[in-house]
Amino acid sequence: MRNIILEHRDSVINTYGRFSIPELCCLMKRFNLLITVDSFSMHAASAVGTPIIAIFSAANDPKR
């Protein structure tokens, strides 16, 4: 994920730990796309109508 942020730093916002839940929901309404894992942010973005790409994993084993 860090490489994506570095390569697209003009259009990517890393919001990790920066906003309250209501603030994050308001911000996500303005996103063109949210790339996230199966998490609260995925569900919140869906609720406010933001297109999402969600990354799911059956296990925490990086080799898989």
PDB file of N, CA and C in Angstrom:
ATOM      1  N   MET A   1       0.831  -1.190   0.000  1.00  0.00           N
ATOM      2  CA  MET A   1       0.000   0.000   0.000  1.00  0.00           C
ATOM      3  C   MET A   1       0.873   1.250   0.000  1.00  0.00           C
ATOM      4  N   ARG A   2       1.974   1.197   0.710  1.00  0.00           N
ATOM      5  CA  ARG A   2       2.853   2.366   0.759  1.00  0.00           C
ATOM      6  C   ARG A   2       3.335   2.762  -0.635  1.00  0.00           C
ATOM      7  N   ASN A   3       3.638   1.792  -1.490  1.00  0.00           N
ATOM      8  CA  ASN A   3       4.080   2.117  -2.849  1.00  0.00           C
ATOM      9  C   ASN A   3       3.000   2.837  -3.633  1.00  0.00           C
ATOM     10  N   ILE A   4       1.748   2.427  -3.471  1.00  0.00           N
ATOM     11  CA  ILE A   4       0.642   3.095  -4.149  1.00  0.00           C
ATOM     12  C   ILE A   4       0.568   4.543  -3.701  1.00  0.00           C
ATOM     13  N   ILE A   5       0.700   4.758  -2.408  1.00  0.00           N
ATOM     14  CA  ILE A   5       0.636   6.124  -1.872  1.00  0.00           C
ATOM     15  C   ILE A   5       1.784   6.972  -2.423  1.00  0.00           C
ATOM     16  N   LEU A   6       2.981   6.421  -2.455  1.00  0.00           N
ATOM     17  CA  LEU A   6       4.127   7.176  -2.944  1.00  0.00           C
ATOM     18  C   LEU A   6       4.010   7.486  -4.435  1.00  0.00           C
ATOM     19  N   GLU A   7       3.525   6.535  -5.227  1.00  0.00           N
ATOM     20  CA  GLU A   7       3.421   6.733  -6.662  1.00  0.00           C
ATOM     21  C   GLU A   7       2.299   7.692  -7.047  1.00  0.00           C
ATOM     22  N   HIS A   8       1.289   7.811  -6.199  1.00  0.00           N
ATOM     23  CA  HIS A   8       0.135   8.647  -6.512  1.00  0.00           C
ATOM     24  C   HIS A   8      -0.119   9.690  -5.429  1.00  0.00           C
ATOM     25  N   ARG A   9       0.925  10.245  -4.901  1.00  0.00           N
ATOM     26  CA  ARG A   9       0.781  11.125  -3.732  1.00  0.00           C
ATOM     27  C   ARG A   9      -0.082  12.355  -3.990  1.00  0.00           C
ATOM     28  N   ASP A  10      -0.279  12.737  -5.239  1.00  0.00           N
ATOM     29  CA  ASP A  10      -1.143  13.889  -5.523  1.00  0.00           C
ATOM     30  C   ASP A  10      -2.623  13.539  -5.458  1.00  0.00           C
ATOM     31  N   SER A  11      -2.971  12.247  -5.546  1.00  0.00           N
ATOM     32  CA  SER A  11      -4.380  11.873  -5.580  1.00  0.00           C
ATOM     33  C   SER A  11      -4.783  10.870  -4.507  1.00  0.00           C
ATOM     34  N   VAL A  12      -3.846  10.473  -3.636  1.00  0.00           N
ATOM     35  CA  VAL A  12      -4.136   9.508  -2.580  1.00  0.00           C
ATOM     36  C   VAL A  12      -4.092  10.206  -1.235  1.00  0.00           C
ATOM     37  N   ILE A  13      -5.084   9.922  -0.395  1.00  0.00           N
ATOM     38  CA  ILE A  13      -5.112  10.468   0.959  1.00  0.00           C
ATOM     39  C   ILE A  13      -5.061   9.298   1.931  1.00  0.00           C
ATOM     40  N   ASN A  14      -4.036   9.243   2.752  1.00  0.00           N
ATOM     41  CA  ASN A  14      -3.954   8.235   3.801  1.00  0.00           C
ATOM     42  C   ASN A  14      -4.605   8.820   5.045  1.00  0.00           C
ATOM     43  N   THR A  15      -5.784   8.308   5.395  1.00  0.00           N
ATOM     44  CA  THR A  15      -6.554   8.867   6.500  1.00  0.00           C
ATOM     45  C   THR A  15      -6.375   8.125   7.810  1.00  0.00           C
ATOM     46  N   TYR A  16      -5.445   7.193   7.844  1.00  0.00           N
ATOM     47  CA  TYR A  16      -5.280   6.350   9.025  1.00  0.00           C
ATOM     48  C   TYR A  16      -5.128   7.178  10.302  1.00  0.00           C
ATOM     49  N   GLY A  17      -6.092   7.058  11.215  1.00  0.00           N
ATOM     50  CA  GLY A  17      -6.024   7.695  12.527  1.00  0.00           C
ATOM     51  C   GLY A  17      -6.175   9.202  12.549  1.00  0.00           C
ATOM     52  N   ARG A  18      -6.603   9.802  11.463  1.00  0.00           N
ATOM     53  CA  ARG A  18      -6.645  11.262  11.393  1.00  0.00           C
ATOM     54  C   ARG A  18      -8.017  11.880  11.626  1.00  0.00           C
ATOM     55  N   PHE A  19      -9.078  11.086  11.509  1.00  0.00           N
ATOM     56  CA  PHE A  19     -10.420  11.651  11.568  1.00  0.00           C
ATOM     57  C   PHE A  19     -11.313  10.862  12.513  1.00  0.00           C
ATOM     58  N   SER A  20     -12.310  11.544  13.053  1.00  0.00           N
ATOM     59  CA  SER A  20     -13.350  10.854  13.818  1.00  0.00           C
ATOM     60  C   SER A  20     -14.232  10.099  12.818  1.00  0.00           C
ATOM     61  N   ILE A  21     -15.093   9.229  13.301  1.00  0.00           N
ATOM     62  CA  ILE A  21     -15.971   8.467  12.413  1.00  0.00           C
ATOM     63  C   ILE A  21     -16.885   9.388  11.595  1.00  0.00           C
ATOM     64  N   PRO A  22     -17.568  10.345  12.205  1.00  0.00           N
ATOM     65  CA  PRO A  22     -18.408  11.241  11.386  1.00  0.00           C
ATOM     66  C   PRO A  22     -17.602  12.044  10.355  1.00  0.00           C
ATOM     67  N   GLU A  23     -16.425  12.502  10.745  1.00  0.00           N
ATOM     68  CA  GLU A  23     -15.582  13.248   9.810  1.00  0.00           C
ATOM     69  C   GLU A  23     -15.153  12.361   8.642  1.00  0.00           C
ATOM     70  N   LEU A  24     -14.789  11.126   8.946  1.00  0.00           N
ATOM     71  CA  LEU A  24     -14.353  10.208   7.899  1.00  0.00           C
ATOM     72  C   LEU A  24     -15.489   9.906   6.925  1.00  0.00           C
ATOM     73  N   CYS A  25     -16.698   9.715   7.440  1.00  0.00           N
ATOM     74  CA  CYS A  25     -17.852   9.465   6.565  1.00  0.00           C
ATOM     75  C   CYS A  25     -18.116  10.649   5.644  1.00  0.00           C
ATOM     76  N   CYS A  26     -18.040  11.861   6.178  1.00  0.00           N
ATOM     77  CA  CYS A  26     -18.223  13.059   5.350  1.00  0.00           C
ATOM     78  C   CYS A  26     -17.138  13.162   4.288  1.00  0.00           C
ATOM     79  N   LEU A  27     -15.919  12.855   4.655  1.00  0.00           N
ATOM     80  CA  LEU A  27     -14.815  12.897   3.702  1.00  0.00           C
ATOM     81  C   LEU A  27     -14.982  11.839   2.617  1.00  0.00           C
ATOM     82  N   MET A  28     -15.404  10.638   3.003  1.00  0.00           N
ATOM     83  CA  MET A  28     -15.546   9.556   2.036  1.00  0.00           C
ATOM     84  C   MET A  28     -16.625   9.835   1.001  1.00  0.00           C
ATOM     85  N   LYS A  29     -17.587  10.674   1.305  1.00  0.00           N
ATOM     86  CA  LYS A  29     -18.591  11.056   0.317  1.00  0.00           C
ATOM     87  C   LYS A  29     -17.950  11.718  -0.897  1.00  0.00           C
ATOM     88  N   ARG A  30     -16.796  12.322  -0.695  1.00  0.00           N
ATOM     89  CA  ARG A  30     -16.114  13.057  -1.766  1.00  0.00           C
ATOM     90  C   ARG A  30     -15.117  12.202  -2.546  1.00  0.00           C
ATOM     91  N   PHE A  31     -14.826  10.991  -2.069  1.00  0.00           N
ATOM     92  CA  PHE A  31     -13.846  10.128  -2.735  1.00  0.00           C
ATOM     93  C   PHE A  31     -14.369   9.652  -4.089  1.00  0.00           C
ATOM     94  N   ASN A  32     -13.480   9.533  -5.055  1.00  0.00           N
ATOM     95  CA  ASN A  32     -13.794   8.894  -6.328  1.00  0.00           C
ATOM     96  C   ASN A  32     -13.757   7.376  -6.173  1.00  0.00           C
ATOM     97  N   LEU A  33     -12.909   6.893  -5.271  1.00  0.00           N
ATOM     98  CA  LEU A  33     -12.719   5.460  -5.048  1.00  0.00           C
ATOM     99  C   LEU A  33     -12.027   5.273  -3.707  1.00  0.00           C
ATOM    100  N   LEU A  34     -12.427   4.225  -2.975  1.00  0.00           N
ATOM    101  CA  LEU A  34     -11.753   3.858  -1.731  1.00  0.00           C
ATOM    102  C   LEU A  34     -11.192   2.454  -1.903  1.00  0.00           C
ATOM    103  N   ILE A  35      -9.911   2.295  -1.679  1.00  0.00           N
ATOM    104  CA  ILE A  35      -9.267   0.977  -1.662  1.00  0.00           C
ATOM    105  C   ILE A  35      -9.004   0.646  -0.209  1.00  0.00           C
ATOM    106  N   THR A  36      -9.554  -0.476   0.263  1.00  0.00           N
ATOM    107  CA  THR A  36      -9.485  -0.806   1.678  1.00  0.00           C
ATOM    108  C   THR A  36      -9.566  -2.306   1.880  1.00  0.00           C
ATOM    109  N   VAL A  37      -9.390  -2.721   3.086  1.00  0.00           N
ATOM    110  CA  VAL A  37      -9.602  -4.113   3.462  1.00  0.00           C
ATOM    111  C   VAL A  37     -11.018  -4.235   4.023  1.00  0.00           C
ATOM    112  N   ASP A  38     -11.447  -5.468   4.324  1.00  0.00           N
ATOM    113  CA  ASP A  38     -12.758  -5.694   4.927  1.00  0.00           C
ATOM    114  C   ASP A  38     -12.733  -5.053   6.313  1.00  0.00           C
ATOM    115  N   SER A  39     -13.369  -3.894   6.436  1.00  0.00           N
ATOM    116  CA  SER A  39     -13.264  -3.116   7.670  1.00  0.00           C
ATOM    117  C   SER A  39     -14.446  -2.157   7.770  1.00  0.00           C
ATOM    118  N   PHE A  40     -14.455  -1.395   8.837  1.00  0.00           N
ATOM    119  CA  PHE A  40     -15.481  -0.358   9.000  1.00  0.00           C
ATOM    120  C   PHE A  40     -15.488   0.599   7.819  1.00  0.00           C
ATOM    121  N   SER A  41     -14.305   1.008   7.373  1.00  0.00           N
ATOM    122  CA  SER A  41     -14.252   1.995   6.295  1.00  0.00           C
ATOM    123  C   SER A  41     -14.916   1.472   5.028  1.00  0.00           C
ATOM    124  N   MET A  42     -14.813   0.182   4.759  1.00  0.00           N
ATOM    125  CA  MET A  42     -15.469  -0.403   3.598  1.00  0.00           C
ATOM    126  C   MET A  42     -16.984  -0.240   3.705  1.00  0.00           C
ATOM    127  N   HIS A  43     -17.525  -0.560   4.853  1.00  0.00           N
ATOM    128  CA  HIS A  43     -18.970  -0.480   5.063  1.00  0.00           C
ATOM    129  C   HIS A  43     -19.455   0.967   5.093  1.00  0.00           C
ATOM    130  N   ALA A  44     -18.687   1.841   5.702  1.00  0.00           N
ATOM    131  CA  ALA A  44     -19.064   3.253   5.770  1.00  0.00           C
ATOM    132  C   ALA A  44     -19.050   3.877   4.379  1.00  0.00           C
ATOM    133  N   ALA A  45     -18.036   3.572   3.579  1.00  0.00           N
ATOM    134  CA  ALA A  45     -17.965   4.106   2.218  1.00  0.00           C
ATOM    135  C   ALA A  45     -19.148   3.625   1.388  1.00  0.00           C
ATOM    136  N   SER A  46     -19.481   2.372   1.533  1.00  0.00           N
ATOM    137  CA  SER A  46     -20.639   1.823   0.828  1.00  0.00           C
ATOM    138  C   SER A  46     -21.919   2.547   1.250  1.00  0.00           C
ATOM    139  N   ALA A  47     -22.042   2.829   2.522  1.00  0.00           N
ATOM    140  CA  ALA A  47     -23.233   3.493   3.051  1.00  0.00           C
ATOM    141  C   ALA A  47     -23.403   4.914   2.503  1.00  0.00           C
ATOM    142  N   VAL A  48     -22.281   5.594   2.220  1.00  0.00           N
ATOM    143  CA  VAL A  48     -22.381   6.965   1.699  1.00  0.00           C
ATOM    144  C   VAL A  48     -22.278   7.004   0.174  1.00  0.00           C
ATOM    145  N   GLY A  49     -22.247   5.816  -0.469  1.00  0.00           N
ATOM    146  CA  GLY A  49     -22.279   5.745  -1.923  1.00  0.00           C
ATOM    147  C   GLY A  49     -20.944   5.853  -2.624  1.00  0.00           C
ATOM    148  N   THR A  50     -19.851   5.690  -1.912  1.00  0.00           N
ATOM    149  CA  THR A  50     -18.531   5.768  -2.505  1.00  0.00           C
ATOM    150  C   THR A  50     -18.148   4.423  -3.124  1.00  0.00           C
ATOM    151  N   PRO A  51     -17.656   4.407  -4.370  1.00  0.00           N
ATOM    152  CA  PRO A  51     -17.186   3.152  -4.958  1.00  0.00           C
ATOM    153  C   PRO A  51     -15.992   2.609  -4.158  1.00  0.00           C
ATOM    154  N   ILE A  52     -15.947   1.285  -4.015  1.00  0.00           N
ATOM    155  CA  ILE A  52     -14.876   0.689  -3.223  1.00  0.00           C
ATOM    156  C   ILE A  52     -14.236  -0.481  -3.959  1.00  0.00           C
ATOM    157  N   ILE A  53     -12.972  -0.698  -3.650  1.00  0.00           N
ATOM    158  CA  ILE A  53     -12.271  -1.940  -3.949  1.00  0.00           C
ATOM    159  C   ILE A  53     -11.873  -2.483  -2.591  1.00  0.00           C
ATOM    160  N   ALA A  54     -12.395  -3.653  -2.245  1.00  0.00           N
ATOM    161  CA  ALA A  54     -12.133  -4.249  -0.935  1.00  0.00           C
ATOM    162  C   ALA A  54     -11.253  -5.483  -1.110  1.00  0.00           C
ATOM    163  N   ILE A  55     -10.215  -5.568  -0.313  1.00  0.00           N
ATOM    164  CA  ILE A  55      -9.283  -6.688  -0.353  1.00  0.00           C
ATOM    165  C   ILE A  55      -9.634  -7.628   0.786  1.00  0.00           C
ATOM    166  N   PHE A  56      -9.986  -8.851   0.426  1.00  0.00           N
ATOM    167  CA  PHE A  56     -10.357  -9.872   1.408  1.00  0.00           C
ATOM    168  C   PHE A  56      -9.278 -10.938   1.456  1.00  0.00           C
ATOM    169  N   SER A  57      -9.114 -11.539   2.622  1.00  0.00           N
ATOM    170  CA  SER A  57      -8.146 -12.615   2.795  1.00  0.00           C
ATOM    171  C   SER A  57      -8.748 -13.672   3.699  1.00  0.00           C
ATOM    172  N   ALA A  58      -8.523 -14.940   3.347  1.00  0.00           N
ATOM    173  CA  ALA A  58      -9.041 -16.037   4.164  1.00  0.00           C
ATOM    174  C   ALA A  58      -8.148 -16.298   5.370  1.00  0.00           C
ATOM    175  N   ALA A  59      -6.942 -15.804   5.325  1.00  0.00           N
ATOM    176  CA  ALA A  59      -5.994 -16.039   6.435  1.00  0.00           C
ATOM    177  C   ALA A  59      -5.011 -14.881   6.502  1.00  0.00           C
ATOM    178  N   ASN A  60      -4.358 -14.766   7.622  1.00  0.00           N
ATOM    179  CA  ASN A  60      -3.345 -13.716   7.789  1.00  0.00           C
ATOM    180  C   ASN A  60      -1.955 -14.166   7.364  1.00  0.00           C
ATOM    181  N   ASP A  61      -1.856 -15.309   6.708  1.00  0.00           N
ATOM    182  CA  ASP A  61      -0.584 -15.840   6.269  1.00  0.00           C
ATOM    183  C   ASP A  61      -0.173 -15.142   4.954  1.00  0.00           C
ATOM    184  N   PRO A  62       0.892 -14.315   4.965  1.00  0.00           N
ATOM    185  CA  PRO A  62       1.314 -13.582   3.757  1.00  0.00           C
ATOM    186  C   PRO A  62       1.673 -14.503   2.598  1.00  0.00           C
ATOM    187  N   LYS A  63       2.041 -15.735   2.867  1.00  0.00           N
ATOM    188  CA  LYS A  63       2.417 -16.659   1.787  1.00  0.00           C
ATOM    189  C   LYS A  63       1.210 -17.037   0.937  1.00  0.00           C
ATOM    190  N   ARG A  64       0.012 -16.945   1.500  1.00  0.00           N
ATOM    191  CA  ARG A  64      -1.203 -17.258   0.748  1.00  0.00           C
ATOM    192  C   ARG A  64      -1.571 -16.108  -0.128  1.00  0.00           C
TER     193      ARG A  64
END
